[in-house]
Amino acid sequence: MAIMATVRVERTDDGFIATNERGASVAVGSSDQDGVFSPVELLLVALGGCEIVTVEPLTAKRGHRLVKLAVRVDAEKVAPTKLGPITATYEIELPPGDDKAAEVFESVAHRVHENHCTVGRALREGTETIQILPPRAV
């Protein structure tokens, strides 16, 4: 299988920075630091981003571009290092006079959530994570 995505997270003089191969970056830190995303927040961004960047073009392609489209993603913490349910709550404004926009949005959003968002599927299906450490110096 081919690698779908690669990011690098590294410590810098200013904290931790995550970068992708296209040159985008985001500051990463603990949840009590200002101006950075915590790793859990980035997980929530990944889910919300995955859904919304798929929902938007599919509704627009069907001729029903929403006036407003946003998603708030919340996570419950059920133990010190365990998340409970993650909820994506959409906020939309329908185009005036478009009687089918709500139906199209709901249909598309449901399909995206269930079948087309790679991040959501990875979370629901428990994707394996593998850690590789460098060999010990002899």
Protein backbone atom coordinates (compact mmCIF):
# COMPACT_ATOMS: atom_id res chain seq x y z
CA MET A 1 0.00 0.00 0.00
CA ALA A 2 1.07 3.55 -0.68
CA ILE A 3 1.60 6.11 2.06
CA MET A 4 -1.36 8.50 2.09
CA ALA A 5 0.08 11.27 4.24
CA THR A 6 3.25 12.15 6.11
CA VAL A 7 3.86 14.84 8.69
CA ARG A 8 6.87 15.64 10.81
CA VAL A 9 6.63 16.89 14.38
CA GLU A 10 9.79 18.24 15.91
CA ARG A 11 11.03 20.20 18.86
CA THR A 12 12.33 23.66 17.99
CA ASP A 13 13.70 26.51 20.07
CA ASP A 14 10.13 27.87 20.30
CA GLY A 15 8.28 24.63 21.08
CA PHE A 16 6.93 21.90 18.83
CA ILE A 17 6.05 22.36 15.15
CA ALA A 18 4.21 19.97 12.85
CA THR A 19 4.88 20.35 9.12
CA ASN A 20 3.66 18.58 6.01
CA GLU A 21 5.42 17.98 2.72
CA ARG A 22 3.62 20.96 1.13
CA GLY A 23 5.18 23.44 3.57
CA ALA A 24 2.22 24.04 5.89
CA SER A 25 2.92 24.12 9.61
CA VAL A 26 1.09 24.32 12.91
CA ALA A 27 2.37 24.88 16.44
CA VAL A 28 1.72 21.98 18.80
CA GLY A 29 1.85 22.02 22.58
CA SER A 30 0.03 21.17 25.75
CA SER A 31 -3.57 22.15 26.37
CA ASP A 32 -2.51 24.84 28.86
CA GLN A 33 -0.29 26.72 26.37
CA ASP A 34 -1.56 29.76 24.50
CA GLY A 35 -1.22 30.03 20.73
CA VAL A 36 -0.86 26.31 19.99
CA PHE A 37 -3.06 23.32 19.25
CA SER A 38 -2.91 20.39 21.64
CA PRO A 39 -2.60 16.94 20.05
CA VAL A 40 -6.23 16.15 20.99
CA GLU A 41 -7.39 19.40 19.39
CA LEU A 42 -5.51 18.45 16.22
CA LEU A 43 -7.33 15.11 16.22
CA LEU A 44 -10.62 17.01 16.40
CA VAL A 45 -9.45 19.35 13.61
CA ALA A 46 -8.61 16.30 11.51
CA LEU A 47 -12.10 14.86 11.91
CA GLY A 48 -13.94 18.14 11.35
CA GLY A 49 -11.68 19.08 8.48
CA CYS A 50 -12.01 15.69 6.82
CA GLU A 51 -15.78 15.89 6.89
CA ILE A 52 -16.24 19.54 5.91
CA VAL A 53 -13.76 19.57 3.02
CA THR A 54 -15.62 16.59 1.59
CA VAL A 55 -19.18 17.78 2.32
CA GLU A 56 -18.71 21.27 0.84
CA PRO A 57 -17.72 20.37 -2.73
CA LEU A 58 -20.25 17.54 -2.92
CA THR A 59 -23.18 19.77 -1.94
CA ALA A 60 -21.96 22.58 -4.22
CA LYS A 61 -21.46 20.14 -7.11
CA ARG A 62 -25.14 19.19 -6.75
CA GLY A 63 -26.08 22.87 -7.08
CA HIS A 64 -26.78 23.56 -3.40
CA ARG A 65 -23.87 25.63 -2.07
CA LEU A 66 -24.69 26.53 1.52
CA VAL A 67 -24.45 30.16 2.63
CA LYS A 68 -22.81 29.04 5.88
CA LEU A 69 -21.09 25.75 6.57
CA ALA A 70 -19.16 25.12 9.79
CA VAL A 71 -18.61 22.17 12.11
CA ARG A 72 -17.78 22.19 15.83
CA VAL A 73 -16.07 19.04 17.07
CA ASP A 74 -16.19 18.15 20.77
CA ALA A 75 -14.51 15.27 22.60
CA GLU A 76 -15.34 13.84 25.97
CA LYS A 77 -12.53 12.68 28.22
CA VAL A 78 -13.49 9.50 30.09
CA ALA A 79 -10.11 8.74 31.69
CA PRO A 80 -6.77 10.58 32.00
CA THR A 81 -5.56 9.25 28.64
CA LYS A 82 -8.78 8.07 26.99
CA LEU A 83 -11.36 9.89 24.92
CA GLY A 84 -15.01 9.01 24.94
CA PRO A 85 -17.42 9.98 22.19
CA ILE A 86 -16.38 12.62 19.66
CA THR A 87 -19.27 14.70 18.33
CA ALA A 88 -19.29 16.73 15.11
CA THR A 89 -22.07 19.34 15.19
CA TYR A 90 -22.80 21.16 11.94
CA GLU A 91 -23.89 24.78 11.69
CA ILE A 92 -25.43 25.66 8.33
CA GLU A 93 -27.36 28.41 6.60
CA LEU A 94 -29.39 27.33 3.60
CA PRO A 95 -29.43 29.32 0.37
CA PRO A 96 -32.61 31.42 0.13
CA GLY A 97 -35.30 29.81 -2.01
CA ASP A 98 -33.49 26.47 -2.29
CA ASP A 99 -36.05 23.94 -1.05
CA LYS A 100 -33.80 20.92 -1.65
CA ALA A 101 -30.58 22.22 -0.03
CA ALA A 102 -31.32 20.79 3.42
CA GLU A 103 -32.15 17.35 2.04
CA VAL A 104 -29.03 17.30 -0.16
CA PHE A 105 -26.82 18.50 2.71
CA GLU A 106 -28.17 15.87 5.12
CA SER A 107 -27.75 13.08 2.58
CA VAL A 108 -24.21 14.12 1.65
CA ALA A 109 -23.12 14.75 5.26
CA HIS A 110 -24.41 11.35 6.36
CA ARG A 111 -22.61 9.52 3.51
CA VAL A 112 -19.39 11.43 4.15
CA HIS A 113 -19.51 10.63 7.88
CA GLU A 114 -20.25 6.94 7.34
CA ASN A 115 -18.17 6.12 4.27
CA HIS A 116 -15.92 8.83 2.88
CA CYS A 117 -14.05 10.50 5.75
CA THR A 118 -10.80 8.59 6.22
CA VAL A 119 -10.18 10.16 9.64
CA GLY A 120 -13.61 9.23 10.97
CA ARG A 121 -13.27 5.66 9.73
CA ALA A 122 -9.82 5.38 11.32
CA LEU A 123 -11.24 6.51 14.65
CA ARG A 124 -14.31 4.26 14.50
CA GLU A 125 -12.45 1.17 13.33
CA GLY A 126 -9.45 1.53 15.64
CA THR A 127 -6.60 1.89 13.14
CA GLU A 128 -3.39 0.24 14.31
CA THR A 129 -0.56 2.59 15.29
CA ILE A 130 3.08 1.48 15.09
CA GLN A 131 6.03 3.10 16.84
CA ILE A 132 9.57 2.69 15.42
CA LEU A 133 12.49 3.68 17.63
CA PRO A 134 16.06 4.14 16.41
CA PRO A 135 18.45 1.26 17.08
CA ARG A 136 20.46 1.51 20.28
CA ALA A 137 23.99 2.79 19.93
CA VAL A 138 26.49 0.11 20.79
